[in-house]
C-alpha atoms as a PDB file:
ATOM      1  CA  MET A   1      12.436  38.654   6.102  1.00  0.00           C
ATOM      2  CA  SER A   2      11.687  35.649   8.439  1.00  0.00           C
ATOM      3  CA  THR A   3      10.764  36.305  11.973  1.00  0.00           C
ATOM      4  CA  ALA A   4      12.337  34.136  15.193  1.00  0.00           C
ATOM      5  CA  ALA A   5       9.035  32.178  15.412  1.00  0.00           C
ATOM      6  CA  GLU A   6       9.584  31.126  11.882  1.00  0.00           C
ATOM      7  CA  THR A   7      13.054  30.048  12.165  1.00  0.00           C
ATOM      8  CA  GLU A   8      12.963  27.860  15.337  1.00  0.00           C
ATOM      9  CA  VAL A   9      10.160  25.608  13.877  1.00  0.00           C
ATOM     10  CA  ARG A  10      11.663  22.274  13.565  1.00  0.00           C
ATOM     11  CA  GLU A  11      10.547  19.601  11.162  1.00  0.00           C
ATOM     12  CA  LEU A  12      10.569  16.357  13.179  1.00  0.00           C
ATOM     13  CA  ASP A  13       9.323  14.151  10.496  1.00  0.00           C
ATOM     14  CA  HIS A  14       8.129  14.106   6.744  1.00  0.00           C
ATOM     15  CA  ARG A  15       6.688  11.641   4.358  1.00  0.00           C
ATOM     16  CA  ASN A  16       5.110  11.458   1.121  1.00  0.00           C
ATOM     17  CA  ASN A  17       2.800   8.604  -0.249  1.00  0.00           C
ATOM     18  CA  ASP A  18       0.797   8.685  -3.491  1.00  0.00           C
ATOM     19  CA  GLY A  19       0.396  12.475  -3.718  1.00  0.00           C
ATOM     20  CA  ILE A  20      -0.275  13.091  -0.055  1.00  0.00           C
ATOM     21  CA  ASP A  21       2.470  14.995   1.807  1.00  0.00           C
ATOM     22  CA  VAL A  22       2.540  15.239   5.814  1.00  0.00           C
ATOM     23  CA  THR A  23       5.106  17.117   7.744  1.00  0.00           C
ATOM     24  CA  LEU A  24       5.377  16.870  11.397  1.00  0.00           C
ATOM     25  CA  ARG A  25       6.522  20.118  12.989  1.00  0.00           C
ATOM     26  CA  TRP A  26       7.611  21.461  16.413  1.00  0.00           C
ATOM     27  CA  SER A  27       8.025  24.929  18.138  1.00  0.00           C
ATOM     28  CA  PRO A  28      10.642  24.748  21.041  1.00  0.00           C
ATOM     29  CA  SER A  29       9.729  27.908  22.333  1.00  0.00           C
ATOM     30  CA  THR A  30       5.803  27.387  22.392  1.00  0.00           C
ATOM     31  CA  GLU A  31       6.065  23.634  22.662  1.00  0.00           C
ATOM     32  CA  ARG A  32       3.359  23.623  19.893  1.00  0.00           C
ATOM     33  CA  VAL A  33       3.093  20.395  17.691  1.00  0.00           C
ATOM     34  CA  TRP A  34       1.324  20.276  14.414  1.00  0.00           C
ATOM     35  CA  ILE A  35       1.043  18.657  11.267  1.00  0.00           C
ATOM     36  CA  ASP A  36       0.882  20.043   7.732  1.00  0.00           C
ATOM     37  CA  VAL A  37      -0.967  17.780   5.159  1.00  0.00           C
ATOM     38  CA  ARG A  38      -1.095  18.588   1.348  1.00  0.00           C
ATOM     39  CA  ASP A  39      -3.018  16.473  -1.208  1.00  0.00           C
ATOM     40  CA  ASP A  40      -1.602  17.058  -4.655  1.00  0.00           C
ATOM     41  CA  HIS A  41      -4.551  14.959  -6.038  1.00  0.00           C
ATOM     42  CA  SER A  42      -7.398  17.470  -4.821  1.00  0.00           C
ATOM     43  CA  SER A  43      -4.995  20.467  -4.291  1.00  0.00           C
ATOM     44  CA  THR A  44      -6.068  20.698  -0.900  1.00  0.00           C
ATOM     45  CA  SER A  45      -4.132  21.099   2.280  1.00  0.00           C
ATOM     46  CA  PHE A  46      -4.795  21.633   6.070  1.00  0.00           C
ATOM     47  CA  ARG A  47      -2.893  22.049   9.455  1.00  0.00           C
ATOM     48  CA  LEU A  48      -3.887  20.313  12.581  1.00  0.00           C
ATOM     49  CA  ASP A  49      -2.483  21.139  16.121  1.00  0.00           C
ATOM     50  CA  VAL A  50      -1.527  17.893  17.882  1.00  0.00           C
ATOM     51  CA  ASP A  51      -1.249  17.112  21.310  1.00  0.00           C
ATOM     52  CA  PRO A  52       2.495  16.163  21.847  1.00  0.00           C
ATOM     53  CA  ARG A  53       1.603  12.734  23.014  1.00  0.00           C
ATOM     54  CA  GLU A  54      -0.601  11.744  19.988  1.00  0.00           C
ATOM     55  CA  ALA A  55       2.021  13.237  17.471  1.00  0.00           C
ATOM     56  CA  LEU A  56       3.245  10.068  15.739  1.00  0.00           C
ATOM     57  CA  GLU A  57      -0.438   8.916  15.520  1.00  0.00           C
ATOM     58  CA  ALA A  58      -1.596  12.073  13.873  1.00  0.00           C
ATOM     59  CA  PHE A  59       1.657  11.913  11.663  1.00  0.00           C
ATOM     60  CA  HIS A  60       0.881   8.457  10.402  1.00  0.00           C
ATOM     61  CA  HIS A  61      -3.109   8.854  10.279  1.00  0.00           C
ATOM     62  CA  PRO A  62      -3.771  12.522   9.607  1.00  0.00           C
ATOM     63  CA  TYR A  63      -7.230  12.203   8.246  1.00  0.00           C
ATOM     64  CA  ALA A  64      -8.480   9.652  10.991  1.00  0.00           C
ATOM     65  CA  TYR A  65      -6.944  12.139  13.533  1.00  0.00           C
ATOM     66  CA  ALA A  66      -8.743  15.086  12.000  1.00  0.00           C
ATOM     67  CA  ILE A  67     -12.123  13.530  12.138  1.00  0.00           C
ATOM     68  CA  ARG A  68     -11.664  12.336  15.796  1.00  0.00           C
ATOM     69  CA  GLN A  69     -10.549  15.907  16.735  1.00  0.00           C
ATOM     70  CA  ASP A  70     -13.475  17.393  15.026  1.00  0.00           C
ATOM     71  CA  ALA A  71     -15.828  14.900  17.086  1.00  0.00           C
ATOM     72  CA  ASP A  72     -14.124  15.571  20.102  1.00  0.00           C
ATOM     73  CA  HIS A  73     -14.754  19.582  19.641  1.00  0.00           C
ATOM     74  CA  ALA A  74     -18.448  18.637  18.812  1.00  0.00           C
ATOM     75  CA  LEU A  75     -18.851  16.515  22.036  1.00  0.00           C
ATOM     76  CA  ALA A  76     -17.305  19.523  24.086  1.00  0.00           C
ATOM     77  CA  ALA A  77     -19.658  22.045  22.513  1.00  0.00           C
END
């Protein structure tokens, strides 16, 4: 059974290139934006919360965005 939060999520964009699958998602009720990344070569996946103003940058460059996000968190600490 799915919850209201699960059914409200919208897929804004999706791409698959050389075994790397990237999906940009948005929740209208929470205004949350994130990307889901799955790498079929290494069988790894991750999810990143994204500033809506940077959604396309994160979608097109998820690994660079993840590194930058980690660096920003390290500087804030």
